[in-house]
Amino acid sequence: MQQLLDNQNRTLALASKESCDLAKENDHLKAILAKDKINQYEFTEANKKLLALSEDNKPLDKKEIADIVYEIYHYPSDHIDIIKTMRQWRKRRNQQEQEQEQEQQQQQQQQQYEEIELNS
């Protein structure tokens, strides 16, 4: 009986520690979302697109986004399709940003060249 009680106490201690760790992670995510100001323009645009595609006419809000992030963070194996889509989107966006940076650099170089030509 004592051994069974000791095992139960160890199990309870481990479960308490895991619960505490999850609570800390949850608080951390909430703090990040609370600090992070989401651009109102982004909400407006997201709601326009969402309401055009959705039948329930329920606008997106910060709490819903936080719930979605929480769900993906804690259960990634259930949301592989979303993760795959986000990876593809991020890859395209990074490529677009790199192209824009290259274009800006080329424009700056062209301006510098033109200034040199004017000064010569």
PDB file of N, CA and C in Angstrom:
ATOM      1  N   MET A   1       0.833  -1.197   0.000  1.00  0.00           N
ATOM      2  CA  MET A   1       0.000   0.000   0.000  1.00  0.00           C
ATOM      3  C   MET A   1       0.872   1.253   0.000  1.00  0.00           C
ATOM      4  N   GLN A   2       1.966   1.214   0.779  1.00  0.00           N
ATOM      5  CA  GLN A   2       2.866   2.370   0.843  1.00  0.00           C
ATOM      6  C   GLN A   2       3.507   2.621  -0.521  1.00  0.00           C
ATOM      7  N   GLN A   3       3.910   1.539  -1.188  1.00  0.00           N
ATOM      8  CA  GLN A   3       4.534   1.673  -2.504  1.00  0.00           C
ATOM      9  C   GLN A   3       3.533   2.251  -3.513  1.00  0.00           C
ATOM     10  N   LEU A   4       2.298   1.795  -3.455  1.00  0.00           N
ATOM     11  CA  LEU A   4       1.258   2.320  -4.329  1.00  0.00           C
ATOM     12  C   LEU A   4       1.027   3.800  -4.046  1.00  0.00           C
ATOM     13  N   LEU A   5       0.988   4.173  -2.788  1.00  0.00           N
ATOM     14  CA  LEU A   5       0.814   5.571  -2.405  1.00  0.00           C
ATOM     15  C   LEU A   5       1.984   6.421  -2.904  1.00  0.00           C
ATOM     16  N   ASP A   6       3.215   5.913  -2.777  1.00  0.00           N
ATOM     17  CA  ASP A   6       4.392   6.638  -3.259  1.00  0.00           C
ATOM     18  C   ASP A   6       4.330   6.832  -4.775  1.00  0.00           C
ATOM     19  N   ASN A   7       3.907   5.788  -5.482  1.00  0.00           N
ATOM     20  CA  ASN A   7       3.762   5.900  -6.944  1.00  0.00           C
ATOM     21  C   ASN A   7       2.717   6.942  -7.318  1.00  0.00           C
ATOM     22  N   GLN A   8       1.614   6.929  -6.598  1.00  0.00           N
ATOM     23  CA  GLN A   8       0.550   7.905  -6.864  1.00  0.00           C
ATOM     24  C   GLN A   8       1.041   9.331  -6.581  1.00  0.00           C
ATOM     25  N   ASN A   9       1.806   9.497  -5.526  1.00  0.00           N
ATOM     26  CA  ASN A   9       2.349  10.820  -5.189  1.00  0.00           C
ATOM     27  C   ASN A   9       3.319  11.308  -6.266  1.00  0.00           C
ATOM     28  N   ARG A  10       4.154  10.402  -6.774  1.00  0.00           N
ATOM     29  CA  ARG A  10       5.087  10.767  -7.855  1.00  0.00           C
ATOM     30  C   ARG A  10       4.312  11.162  -9.114  1.00  0.00           C
ATOM     31  N   THR A  11       3.296  10.376  -9.426  1.00  0.00           N
ATOM     32  CA  THR A  11       2.465  10.676 -10.603  1.00  0.00           C
ATOM     33  C   THR A  11       1.789  12.034 -10.440  1.00  0.00           C
ATOM     34  N   LEU A  12       1.277  12.286  -9.263  1.00  0.00           N
ATOM     35  CA  LEU A  12       0.627  13.565  -8.985  1.00  0.00           C
ATOM     36  C   LEU A  12       1.627  14.724  -9.088  1.00  0.00           C
ATOM     37  N   ALA A  13       2.835  14.527  -8.574  1.00  0.00           N
ATOM     38  CA  ALA A  13       3.861  15.568  -8.641  1.00  0.00           C
ATOM     39  C   ALA A  13       4.237  15.853 -10.094  1.00  0.00           C
ATOM     40  N   LEU A  14       4.397  14.806 -10.900  1.00  0.00           N
ATOM     41  CA  LEU A  14       4.720  14.994 -12.326  1.00  0.00           C
ATOM     42  C   LEU A  14       3.585  15.707 -13.060  1.00  0.00           C
ATOM     43  N   ALA A  15       2.365  15.297 -12.782  1.00  0.00           N
ATOM     44  CA  ALA A  15       1.210  15.931 -13.427  1.00  0.00           C
ATOM     45  C   ALA A  15       1.103  17.393 -13.020  1.00  0.00           C
ATOM     46  N   SER A  16       1.371  17.693 -11.771  1.00  0.00           N
ATOM     47  CA  SER A  16       1.330  19.082 -11.296  1.00  0.00           C
ATOM     48  C   SER A  16       2.394  19.921 -11.986  1.00  0.00           C
ATOM     49  N   LYS A  17       3.596  19.347 -12.121  1.00  0.00           N
ATOM     50  CA  LYS A  17       4.682  20.071 -12.790  1.00  0.00           C
ATOM     51  C   LYS A  17       4.327  20.331 -14.252  1.00  0.00           C
ATOM     52  N   GLU A  18       3.800  19.312 -14.952  1.00  0.00           N
ATOM     53  CA  GLU A  18       3.407  19.482 -16.351  1.00  0.00           C
ATOM     54  C   GLU A  18       2.312  20.529 -16.476  1.00  0.00           C
ATOM     55  N   SER A  19       1.361  20.502 -15.575  1.00  0.00           N
ATOM     56  CA  SER A  19       0.283  21.488 -15.584  1.00  0.00           C
ATOM     57  C   SER A  19       0.834  22.894 -15.375  1.00  0.00           C
ATOM     58  N   CYS A  20       1.773  23.015 -14.461  1.00  0.00           N
ATOM     59  CA  CYS A  20       2.403  24.307 -14.191  1.00  0.00           C
ATOM     60  C   CYS A  20       3.172  24.797 -15.426  1.00  0.00           C
ATOM     61  N   ASP A  21       3.908  23.893 -16.073  1.00  0.00           N
ATOM     62  CA  ASP A  21       4.664  24.245 -17.280  1.00  0.00           C
ATOM     63  C   ASP A  21       3.730  24.708 -18.394  1.00  0.00           C
ATOM     64  N   LEU A  22       2.617  23.986 -18.577  1.00  0.00           N
ATOM     65  CA  LEU A  22       1.647  24.372 -19.601  1.00  0.00           C
ATOM     66  C   LEU A  22       1.011  25.723 -19.276  1.00  0.00           C
ATOM     67  N   ALA A  23       0.739  25.968 -18.019  1.00  0.00           N
ATOM     68  CA  ALA A  23       0.173  27.250 -17.615  1.00  0.00           C
ATOM     69  C   ALA A  23       1.150  28.387 -17.902  1.00  0.00           C
ATOM     70  N   LYS A  24       2.444  28.137 -17.652  1.00  0.00           N
ATOM     71  CA  LYS A  24       3.461  29.150 -17.952  1.00  0.00           C
ATOM     72  C   LYS A  24       3.523  29.427 -19.456  1.00  0.00           C
ATOM     73  N   GLU A  25       3.503  28.365 -20.268  1.00  0.00           N
ATOM     74  CA  GLU A  25       3.507  28.537 -21.724  1.00  0.00           C
ATOM     75  C   GLU A  25       2.286  29.323 -22.180  1.00  0.00           C
ATOM     76  N   ASN A  26       1.136  28.971 -21.623  1.00  0.00           N
ATOM     77  CA  ASN A  26      -0.101  29.650 -21.974  1.00  0.00           C
ATOM     78  C   ASN A  26      -0.021  31.133 -21.609  1.00  0.00           C
ATOM     79  N   ASP A  27       0.468  31.428 -20.419  1.00  0.00           N
ATOM     80  CA  ASP A  27       0.624  32.820 -19.994  1.00  0.00           C
ATOM     81  C   ASP A  27       1.589  33.562 -20.905  1.00  0.00           C
ATOM     82  N   HIS A  28       2.660  32.870 -21.305  1.00  0.00           N
ATOM     83  CA  HIS A  28       3.640  33.476 -22.201  1.00  0.00           C
ATOM     84  C   HIS A  28       2.995  33.835 -23.542  1.00  0.00           C
ATOM     85  N   LEU A  29       2.223  32.895 -24.102  1.00  0.00           N
ATOM     86  CA  LEU A  29       1.535  33.171 -25.369  1.00  0.00           C
ATOM     87  C   LEU A  29       0.539  34.316 -25.226  1.00  0.00           C
ATOM     88  N   LYS A  30      -0.182  34.328 -24.137  1.00  0.00           N
ATOM     89  CA  LYS A  30      -1.145  35.405 -23.908  1.00  0.00           C
ATOM     90  C   LYS A  30      -0.441  36.746 -23.793  1.00  0.00           C
ATOM     91  N   ALA A  31       0.715  36.758 -23.129  1.00  0.00           N
ATOM     92  CA  ALA A  31       1.478  37.999 -22.983  1.00  0.00           C
ATOM     93  C   ALA A  31       1.969  38.494 -24.338  1.00  0.00           C
ATOM     94  N   ILE A  32       2.426  37.572 -25.168  1.00  0.00           N
ATOM     95  CA  ILE A  32       2.880  37.954 -26.508  1.00  0.00           C
ATOM     96  C   ILE A  32       1.727  38.559 -27.298  1.00  0.00           C
ATOM     97  N   LEU A  33       0.585  37.886 -27.273  1.00  0.00           N
ATOM     98  CA  LEU A  33      -0.564  38.388 -28.017  1.00  0.00           C
ATOM     99  C   LEU A  33      -1.082  39.706 -27.445  1.00  0.00           C
ATOM    100  N   ALA A  34      -1.001  39.880 -26.141  1.00  0.00           N
ATOM    101  CA  ALA A  34      -1.474  41.116 -25.522  1.00  0.00           C
ATOM    102  C   ALA A  34      -0.579  42.291 -25.908  1.00  0.00           C
ATOM    103  N   LYS A  35       0.731  42.051 -25.992  1.00  0.00           N
ATOM    104  CA  LYS A  35       1.672  43.112 -26.353  1.00  0.00           C
ATOM    105  C   LYS A  35       1.622  43.435 -27.828  1.00  0.00           C
ATOM    106  N   ASP A  36       1.370  42.418 -28.607  1.00  0.00           N
ATOM    107  CA  ASP A  36       1.430  42.568 -30.048  1.00  0.00           C
ATOM    108  C   ASP A  36       0.171  43.256 -30.551  1.00  0.00           C
ATOM    109  N   LYS A  37       0.357  44.449 -31.047  1.00  0.00           N
ATOM    110  CA  LYS A  37      -0.785  45.172 -31.586  1.00  0.00           C
ATOM    111  C   LYS A  37      -0.982  44.761 -33.030  1.00  0.00           C
ATOM    112  N   ILE A  38      -2.137  44.192 -33.288  1.00  0.00           N
ATOM    113  CA  ILE A  38      -2.454  43.777 -34.639  1.00  0.00           C
ATOM    114  C   ILE A  38      -3.030  44.979 -35.363  1.00  0.00           C
ATOM    115  N   ASN A  39      -2.486  45.244 -36.523  1.00  0.00           N
ATOM    116  CA  ASN A  39      -2.881  46.379 -37.327  1.00  0.00           C
ATOM    117  C   ASN A  39      -4.385  46.316 -37.627  1.00  0.00           C
ATOM    118  N   GLN A  40      -5.090  47.409 -37.346  1.00  0.00           N
ATOM    119  CA  GLN A  40      -6.537  47.443 -37.577  1.00  0.00           C
ATOM    120  C   GLN A  40      -6.861  47.236 -39.045  1.00  0.00           C
ATOM    121  N   TYR A  41      -6.005  47.733 -39.919  1.00  0.00           N
ATOM    122  CA  TYR A  41      -6.202  47.515 -41.357  1.00  0.00           C
ATOM    123  C   TYR A  41      -6.242  46.025 -41.665  1.00  0.00           C
ATOM    124  N   GLU A  42      -5.341  45.254 -41.023  1.00  0.00           N
ATOM    125  CA  GLU A  42      -5.300  43.805 -41.254  1.00  0.00           C
ATOM    126  C   GLU A  42      -6.605  43.136 -40.805  1.00  0.00           C
ATOM    127  N   PHE A  43      -7.120  43.576 -39.664  1.00  0.00           N
ATOM    128  CA  PHE A  43      -8.407  43.027 -39.207  1.00  0.00           C
ATOM    129  C   PHE A  43      -9.511  43.348 -40.207  1.00  0.00           C
ATOM    130  N   THR A  44      -9.546  44.583 -40.667  1.00  0.00           N
ATOM    131  CA  THR A  44     -10.581  44.996 -41.612  1.00  0.00           C
ATOM    132  C   THR A  44     -10.506  44.176 -42.889  1.00  0.00           C
ATOM    133  N   GLU A  45      -9.290  44.038 -43.444  1.00  0.00           N
ATOM    134  CA  GLU A  45      -9.111  43.265 -44.671  1.00  0.00           C
ATOM    135  C   GLU A  45      -9.447  41.788 -44.458  1.00  0.00           C
ATOM    136  N   ALA A  46      -8.994  41.236 -43.324  1.00  0.00           N
ATOM    137  CA  ALA A  46      -9.287  39.830 -43.028  1.00  0.00           C
ATOM    138  C   ALA A  46     -10.794  39.614 -42.908  1.00  0.00           C
ATOM    139  N   ASN A  47     -11.469  40.530 -42.248  1.00  0.00           N
ATOM    140  CA  ASN A  47     -12.915  40.389 -42.090  1.00  0.00           C
ATOM    141  C   ASN A  47     -13.655  40.516 -43.416  1.00  0.00           C
ATOM    142  N   LYS A  48     -13.194  41.399 -44.289  1.00  0.00           N
ATOM    143  CA  LYS A  48     -13.811  41.507 -45.615  1.00  0.00           C
ATOM    144  C   LYS A  48     -13.714  40.180 -46.351  1.00  0.00           C
ATOM    145  N   LYS A  49     -12.502  39.608 -46.347  1.00  0.00           N
ATOM    146  CA  LYS A  49     -12.286  38.340 -47.055  1.00  0.00           C
ATOM    147  C   LYS A  49     -13.027  37.195 -46.375  1.00  0.00           C
ATOM    148  N   LEU A  50     -12.965  37.157 -45.051  1.00  0.00           N
ATOM    149  CA  LEU A  50     -13.597  36.077 -44.295  1.00  0.00           C
ATOM    150  C   LEU A  50     -15.118  36.114 -44.453  1.00  0.00           C
ATOM    151  N   LEU A  51     -15.692  37.307 -44.334  1.00  0.00           N
ATOM    152  CA  LEU A  51     -17.141  37.421 -44.425  1.00  0.00           C
ATOM    153  C   LEU A  51     -17.639  37.106 -45.836  1.00  0.00           C
ATOM    154  N   ALA A  52     -16.809  37.363 -46.842  1.00  0.00           N
ATOM    155  CA  ALA A  52     -17.189  37.033 -48.215  1.00  0.00           C
ATOM    156  C   ALA A  52     -17.201  35.519 -48.423  1.00  0.00           C
ATOM    157  N   LEU A  53     -16.338  34.809 -47.687  1.00  0.00           N
ATOM    158  CA  LEU A  53     -16.231  33.358 -47.855  1.00  0.00           C
ATOM    159  C   LEU A  53     -17.067  32.574 -46.858  1.00  0.00           C
ATOM    160  N   SER A  54     -17.447  33.209 -45.762  1.00  0.00           N
ATOM    161  CA  SER A  54     -18.103  32.502 -44.667  1.00  0.00           C
ATOM    162  C   SER A  54     -19.608  32.706 -44.703  1.00  0.00           C
ATOM    163  N   GLU A  55     -20.319  31.720 -44.191  1.00  0.00           N
ATOM    164  CA  GLU A  55     -21.782  31.808 -44.152  1.00  0.00           C
ATOM    165  C   GLU A  55     -22.302  32.346 -42.823  1.00  0.00           C
ATOM    166  N   ASP A  56     -21.456  32.338 -41.776  1.00  0.00           N
ATOM    167  CA  ASP A  56     -21.955  32.718 -40.450  1.00  0.00           C
ATOM    168  C   ASP A  56     -21.866  34.221 -40.164  1.00  0.00           C
ATOM    169  N   ASN A  57     -21.204  34.995 -41.026  1.00  0.00           N
ATOM    170  CA  ASN A  57     -21.074  36.447 -40.862  1.00  0.00           C
ATOM    171  C   ASN A  57     -20.501  36.852 -39.511  1.00  0.00           C
ATOM    172  N   LYS A  58     -19.650  36.024 -38.955  1.00  0.00           N
ATOM    173  CA  LYS A  58     -19.015  36.334 -37.675  1.00  0.00           C
ATOM    174  C   LYS A  58     -17.643  36.948 -37.945  1.00  0.00           C
ATOM    175  N   PRO A  59     -17.429  38.197 -37.520  1.00  0.00           N
ATOM    176  CA  PRO A  59     -16.123  38.819 -37.773  1.00  0.00           C
ATOM    177  C   PRO A  59     -15.023  38.209 -36.906  1.00  0.00           C
ATOM    178  N   LEU A  60     -13.811  38.297 -37.406  1.00  0.00           N
ATOM    179  CA  LEU A  60     -12.627  37.809 -36.711  1.00  0.00           C
ATOM    180  C   LEU A  60     -12.256  38.794 -35.611  1.00  0.00           C
ATOM    181  N   ASP A  61     -11.821  38.290 -34.467  1.00  0.00           N
ATOM    182  CA  ASP A  61     -11.345  39.178 -33.405  1.00  0.00           C
ATOM    183  C   ASP A  61     -10.052  38.631 -32.812  1.00  0.00           C
ATOM    184  N   LYS A  62      -9.426  39.426 -31.965  1.00  0.00           N
ATOM    185  CA  LYS A  62      -8.121  39.078 -31.399  1.00  0.00           C
ATOM    186  C   LYS A  62      -8.185  37.799 -30.559  1.00  0.00           C
ATOM    187  N   LYS A  63      -9.263  37.606 -29.832  1.00  0.00           N
ATOM    188  CA  LYS A  63      -9.393  36.401 -29.011  1.00  0.00           C
ATOM    189  C   LYS A  63      -9.455  35.152 -29.879  1.00  0.00           C
ATOM    190  N   GLU A  64     -10.174  35.238 -30.979  1.00  0.00           N
ATOM    191  CA  GLU A  64     -10.260  34.074 -31.862  1.00  0.00           C
ATOM    192  C   GLU A  64      -8.894  33.744 -32.452  1.00  0.00           C
ATOM    193  N   ILE A  65      -8.149  34.771 -32.840  1.00  0.00           N
ATOM    194  CA  ILE A  65      -6.802  34.539 -33.361  1.00  0.00           C
ATOM    195  C   ILE A  65      -5.942  33.890 -32.280  1.00  0.00           C
ATOM    196  N   ALA A  66      -6.039  34.388 -31.049  1.00  0.00           N
ATOM    197  CA  ALA A  66      -5.272  33.809 -29.942  1.00  0.00           C
ATOM    198  C   ALA A  66      -5.643  32.342 -29.736  1.00  0.00           C
ATOM    199  N   ASP A  67      -6.928  32.025 -29.823  1.00  0.00           N
ATOM    200  CA  ASP A  67      -7.379  30.634 -29.673  1.00  0.00           C
ATOM    201  C   ASP A  67      -6.828  29.745 -30.789  1.00  0.00           C
ATOM    202  N   ILE A  68      -6.799  30.287 -32.010  1.00  0.00           N
ATOM    203  CA  ILE A  68      -6.275  29.519 -33.141  1.00  0.00           C
ATOM    204  C   ILE A  68      -4.782  29.271 -32.961  1.00  0.00           C
ATOM    205  N   VAL A  69      -4.056  30.310 -32.566  1.00  0.00           N
ATOM    206  CA  VAL A  69      -2.614  30.168 -32.338  1.00  0.00           C
ATOM    207  C   VAL A  69      -2.363  29.142 -31.235  1.00  0.00           C
ATOM    208  N   TYR A  70      -3.124  29.218 -30.159  1.00  0.00           N
ATOM    209  CA  TYR A  70      -2.998  28.267 -29.046  1.00  0.00           C
ATOM    210  C   TYR A  70      -3.208  26.837 -29.549  1.00  0.00           C
ATOM    211  N   GLU A  71      -4.244  26.650 -30.323  1.00  0.00           N
ATOM    212  CA  GLU A  71      -4.581  25.322 -30.845  1.00  0.00           C
ATOM    213  C   GLU A  71      -3.453  24.770 -31.715  1.00  0.00           C
ATOM    214  N   ILE A  72      -2.940  25.584 -32.624  1.00  0.00           N
ATOM    215  CA  ILE A  72      -1.860  25.127 -33.509  1.00  0.00           C
ATOM    216  C   ILE A  72      -0.595  24.863 -32.700  1.00  0.00           C
ATOM    217  N   TYR A  73      -0.300  25.735 -31.744  1.00  0.00           N
ATOM    218  CA  TYR A  73       0.916  25.601 -30.941  1.00  0.00           C
ATOM    219  C   TYR A  73       0.909  24.321 -30.110  1.00  0.00           C
ATOM    220  N   HIS A  74      -0.224  24.016 -29.514  1.00  0.00           N
ATOM    221  CA  HIS A  74      -0.296  22.875 -28.611  1.00  0.00           C
ATOM    222  C   HIS A  74      -0.640  21.557 -29.305  1.00  0.00           C
ATOM    223  N   TYR A  75      -1.231  21.625 -30.492  1.00  0.00           N
ATOM    224  CA  TYR A  75      -1.626  20.403 -31.205  1.00  0.00           C
ATOM    225  C   TYR A  75      -1.204  20.474 -32.678  1.00  0.00           C
ATOM    226  N   PRO A  76       0.100  20.647 -32.932  1.00  0.00           N
ATOM    227  CA  PRO A  76       0.544  20.812 -34.323  1.00  0.00           C
ATOM    228  C   PRO A  76       0.247  19.604 -35.204  1.00  0.00           C
ATOM    229  N   SER A  77       0.238  18.415 -34.638  1.00  0.00           N
ATOM    230  CA  SER A  77      -0.010  17.224 -35.461  1.00  0.00           C
ATOM    231  C   SER A  77      -1.437  17.196 -36.010  1.00  0.00           C
ATOM    232  N   ASP A  78      -2.352  17.930 -35.382  1.00  0.00           N
ATOM    233  CA  ASP A  78      -3.733  18.006 -35.867  1.00  0.00           C
ATOM    234  C   ASP A  78      -3.907  19.052 -36.960  1.00  0.00           C
ATOM    235  N   HIS A  79      -2.866  19.865 -37.182  1.00  0.00           N
ATOM    236  CA  HIS A  79      -3.011  21.007 -38.097  1.00  0.00           C
ATOM    237  C   HIS A  79      -1.892  21.069 -39.134  1.00  0.00           C
ATOM    238  N   ILE A  80      -1.471  19.923 -39.595  1.00  0.00           N
ATOM    239  CA  ILE A  80      -0.377  19.846 -40.565  1.00  0.00           C
ATOM    240  C   ILE A  80      -0.724  20.612 -41.840  1.00  0.00           C
ATOM    241  N   ASP A  81      -1.978  20.546 -42.277  1.00  0.00           N
ATOM    242  CA  ASP A  81      -2.374  21.250 -43.498  1.00  0.00           C
ATOM    243  C   ASP A  81      -2.188  22.762 -43.350  1.00  0.00           C
ATOM    244  N   ILE A  82      -2.515  23.290 -42.189  1.00  0.00           N
ATOM    245  CA  ILE A  82      -2.351  24.726 -41.944  1.00  0.00           C
ATOM    246  C   ILE A  82      -0.871  25.080 -41.893  1.00  0.00           C
ATOM    247  N   ILE A  83      -0.081  24.255 -41.231  1.00  0.00           N
ATOM    248  CA  ILE A  83       1.360  24.506 -41.121  1.00  0.00           C
ATOM    249  C   ILE A  83       1.995  24.465 -42.504  1.00  0.00           C
ATOM    250  N   LYS A  84       1.608  23.507 -43.323  1.00  0.00           N
ATOM    251  CA  LYS A  84       2.142  23.398 -44.678  1.00  0.00           C
ATOM    252  C   LYS A  84       1.773  24.645 -45.491  1.00  0.00           C
ATOM    253  N   THR A  85       0.542  25.078 -45.393  1.00  0.00           N
ATOM    254  CA  THR A  85       0.095  26.276 -46.112  1.00  0.00           C
ATOM    255  C   THR A  85       0.870  27.506 -45.651  1.00  0.00           C
ATOM    256  N   MET A  86       1.059  27.631 -44.345  1.00  0.00           N
ATOM    257  CA  MET A  86       1.794  28.789 -43.814  1.00  0.00           C
ATOM    258  C   MET A  86       3.247  28.768 -44.267  1.00  0.00           C
ATOM    259  N   ARG A  87       3.857  27.610 -44.320  1.00  0.00           N
ATOM    260  CA  ARG A  87       5.239  27.511 -44.806  1.00  0.00           C
ATOM    261  C   ARG A  87       5.329  27.957 -46.255  1.00  0.00           C
ATOM    262  N   GLN A  88       4.385  27.524 -47.079  1.00  0.00           N
ATOM    263  CA  GLN A  88       4.381  27.933 -48.484  1.00  0.00           C
ATOM    264  C   GLN A  88       4.179  29.444 -48.602  1.00  0.00           C
ATOM    265  N   TRP A  89       3.264  29.972 -47.820  1.00  0.00           N
ATOM    266  CA  TRP A  89       2.986  31.405 -47.837  1.00  0.00           C
ATOM    267  C   TRP A  89       4.222  32.194 -47.406  1.00  0.00           C
ATOM    268  N   ARG A  90       4.872  31.745 -46.314  1.00  0.00           N
ATOM    269  CA  ARG A  90       6.071  32.439 -45.828  1.00  0.00           C
ATOM    270  C   ARG A  90       7.185  32.403 -46.860  1.00  0.00           C
ATOM    271  N   LYS A  91       7.338  31.272 -47.547  1.00  0.00           N
ATOM    272  CA  LYS A  91       8.366  31.145 -48.576  1.00  0.00           C
ATOM    273  C   LYS A  91       8.108  32.141 -49.704  1.00  0.00           C
ATOM    274  N   ARG A  92       6.852  32.211 -50.164  1.00  0.00           N
ATOM    275  CA  ARG A  92       6.507  33.177 -51.218  1.00  0.00           C
ATOM    276  C   ARG A  92       6.720  34.607 -50.751  1.00  0.00           C
ATOM    277  N   ARG A  93       6.309  34.887 -49.527  1.00  0.00           N
ATOM    278  CA  ARG A  93       6.453  36.251 -48.997  1.00  0.00           C
ATOM    279  C   ARG A  93       7.928  36.631 -48.864  1.00  0.00           C
ATOM    280  N   ASN A  94       8.767  35.719 -48.379  1.00  0.00           N
ATOM    281  CA  ASN A  94      10.201  35.979 -48.272  1.00  0.00           C
ATOM    282  C   ASN A  94      10.809  36.239 -49.643  1.00  0.00           C
ATOM    283  N   GLN A  95      10.386  35.461 -50.642  1.00  0.00           N
ATOM    284  CA  GLN A  95      10.882  35.670 -51.995  1.00  0.00           C
ATOM    285  C   GLN A  95      10.469  37.043 -52.520  1.00  0.00           C
ATOM    286  N   GLN A  96       9.224  37.433 -52.252  1.00  0.00           N
ATOM    287  CA  GLN A  96       8.747  38.739 -52.698  1.00  0.00           C
ATOM    288  C   GLN A  96       9.529  39.861 -52.008  1.00  0.00           C
ATOM    289  N   GLU A  97       9.775  39.699 -50.713  1.00  0.00           N
ATOM    290  CA  GLU A  97      10.534  40.708 -49.980  1.00  0.00           C
ATOM    291  C   GLU A  97      11.958  40.815 -50.518  1.00  0.00           C
ATOM    292  N   GLN A  98      12.570  39.682 -50.828  1.00  0.00           N
ATOM    293  CA  GLN A  98      13.923  39.697 -51.393  1.00  0.00           C
ATOM    294  C   GLN A  98      13.930  40.390 -52.755  1.00  0.00           C
ATOM    295  N   GLU A  99      12.919  40.114 -53.561  1.00  0.00           N
ATOM    296  CA  GLU A  99      12.823  40.760 -54.867  1.00  0.00           C
ATOM    297  C   GLU A  99      12.650  42.270 -54.719  1.00  0.00           C
ATOM    298  N   GLN A 100      11.837  42.679 -53.759  1.00  0.00           N
ATOM    299  CA  GLN A 100      11.628  44.110 -53.518  1.00  0.00           C
ATOM    300  C   GLN A 100      12.920  44.775 -53.048  1.00  0.00           C
ATOM    301  N   GLU A 101      13.651  44.110 -52.172  1.00  0.00           N
ATOM    302  CA  GLU A 101      14.925  44.650 -51.696  1.00  0.00           C
ATOM    303  C   GLU A 101      15.914  44.792 -52.849  1.00  0.00           C
ATOM    304  N   GLN A 102      15.965  43.795 -53.707  1.00  0.00           N
ATOM    305  CA  GLN A 102      16.867  43.851 -54.856  1.00  0.00           C
ATOM    306  C   GLN A 102      16.473  44.992 -55.788  1.00  0.00           C
ATOM    307  N   GLU A 103      15.175  45.158 -55.981  1.00  0.00           N
ATOM    308  CA  GLU A 103      14.691  46.244 -56.839  1.00  0.00           C
ATOM    309  C   GLU A 103      15.049  47.605 -56.243  1.00  0.00           C
ATOM    310  N   GLN A 104      14.887  47.751 -54.932  1.00  0.00           N
ATOM    311  CA  GLN A 104      15.247  48.997 -54.269  1.00  0.00           C
ATOM    312  C   GLN A 104      16.742  49.271 -54.377  1.00  0.00           C
ATOM    313  N   GLN A 105      17.547  48.232 -54.203  1.00  0.00           N
ATOM    314  CA  GLN A 105      18.992  48.394 -54.325  1.00  0.00           C
ATOM    315  C   GLN A 105      19.367  48.813 -55.744  1.00  0.00           C
ATOM    316  N   GLN A 106      18.721  48.221 -56.730  1.00  0.00           N
ATOM    317  CA  GLN A 106      18.996  48.591 -58.115  1.00  0.00           C
ATOM    318  C   GLN A 106      18.599  50.043 -58.377  1.00  0.00           C
ATOM    319  N   GLN A 107      17.472  50.459 -57.825  1.00  0.00           N
ATOM    320  CA  GLN A 107      17.041  51.847 -57.986  1.00  0.00           C
ATOM    321  C   GLN A 107      18.021  52.803 -57.328  1.00  0.00           C
ATOM    322  N   GLN A 108      18.492  52.451 -56.131  1.00  0.00           N
ATOM    323  CA  GLN A 108      19.472  53.292 -55.449  1.00  0.00           C
ATOM    324  C   GLN A 108      20.770  53.374 -56.241  1.00  0.00           C
ATOM    325  N   GLN A 109      21.212  52.246 -56.782  1.00  0.00           N
ATOM    326  CA  GLN A 109      22.433  52.239 -57.580  1.00  0.00           C
ATOM    327  C   GLN A 109      22.256  53.080 -58.840  1.00  0.00           C
ATOM    328  N   GLN A 110      21.073  52.995 -59.442  1.00  0.00           N
ATOM    329  CA  GLN A 110      20.790  53.789 -60.637  1.00  0.00           C
ATOM    330  C   GLN A 110      20.805  55.278 -60.301  1.00  0.00           C
ATOM    331  N   GLN A 111      20.210  55.644 -59.159  1.00  0.00           N
ATOM    332  CA  GLN A 111      20.201  57.047 -58.737  1.00  0.00           C
ATOM    333  C   GLN A 111      21.627  57.540 -58.474  1.00  0.00           C
ATOM    334  N   GLN A 112      22.406  56.719 -57.807  1.00  0.00           N
ATOM    335  CA  GLN A 112      23.793  57.093 -57.542  1.00  0.00           C
ATOM    336  C   GLN A 112      24.561  57.264 -58.850  1.00  0.00           C
ATOM    337  N   TYR A 113      24.338  56.375 -59.783  1.00  0.00           N
ATOM    338  CA  TYR A 113      25.007  56.453 -61.076  1.00  0.00           C
ATOM    339  C   TYR A 113      24.610  57.742 -61.796  1.00  0.00           C
ATOM    340  N   GLU A 114      23.296  58.056 -61.753  1.00  0.00           N
ATOM    341  CA  GLU A 114      22.815  59.274 -62.410  1.00  0.00           C
ATOM    342  C   GLU A 114      23.398  60.520 -61.745  1.00  0.00           C
ATOM    343  N   GLU A 115      23.514  60.506 -60.432  1.00  0.00           N
ATOM    344  CA  GLU A 115      24.116  61.644 -59.714  1.00  0.00           C
ATOM    345  C   GLU A 115      25.582  61.809 -60.106  1.00  0.00           C
ATOM    346  N   ILE A 116      26.277  60.703 -60.225  1.00  0.00           N
ATOM    347  CA  ILE A 116      27.687  60.754 -60.633  1.00  0.00           C
ATOM    348  C   ILE A 116      27.781  61.326 -62.049  1.00  0.00           C
ATOM    349  N   GLU A 117      26.899  60.902 -62.931  1.00  0.00           N
ATOM    350  CA  GLU A 117      26.901  61.390 -64.307  1.00  0.00           C
ATOM    351  C   GLU A 117      26.607  62.894 -64.353  1.00  0.00           C
ATOM    352  N   LEU A 118      25.671  63.347 -63.509  1.00  0.00           N
ATOM    353  CA  LEU A 118      25.329  64.771 -63.486  1.00  0.00           C
ATOM    354  C   LEU A 118      26.480  65.618 -62.935  1.00  0.00           C
ATOM    355  N   ASN A 119      27.176  65.077 -61.971  1.00  0.00           N
ATOM    356  CA  ASN A 119      28.280  65.811 -61.349  1.00  0.00           C
ATOM    357  C   ASN A 119      29.547  65.804 -62.221  1.00  0.00           C
ATOM    358  N   SER A 120      29.612  64.919 -63.163  1.00  0.00           N
ATOM    359  CA  SER A 120      30.817  64.815 -64.007  1.00  0.00           C
ATOM    360  C   SER A 120      30.833  65.831 -65.108  1.00  0.00           C
TER     361      SER A 120
END
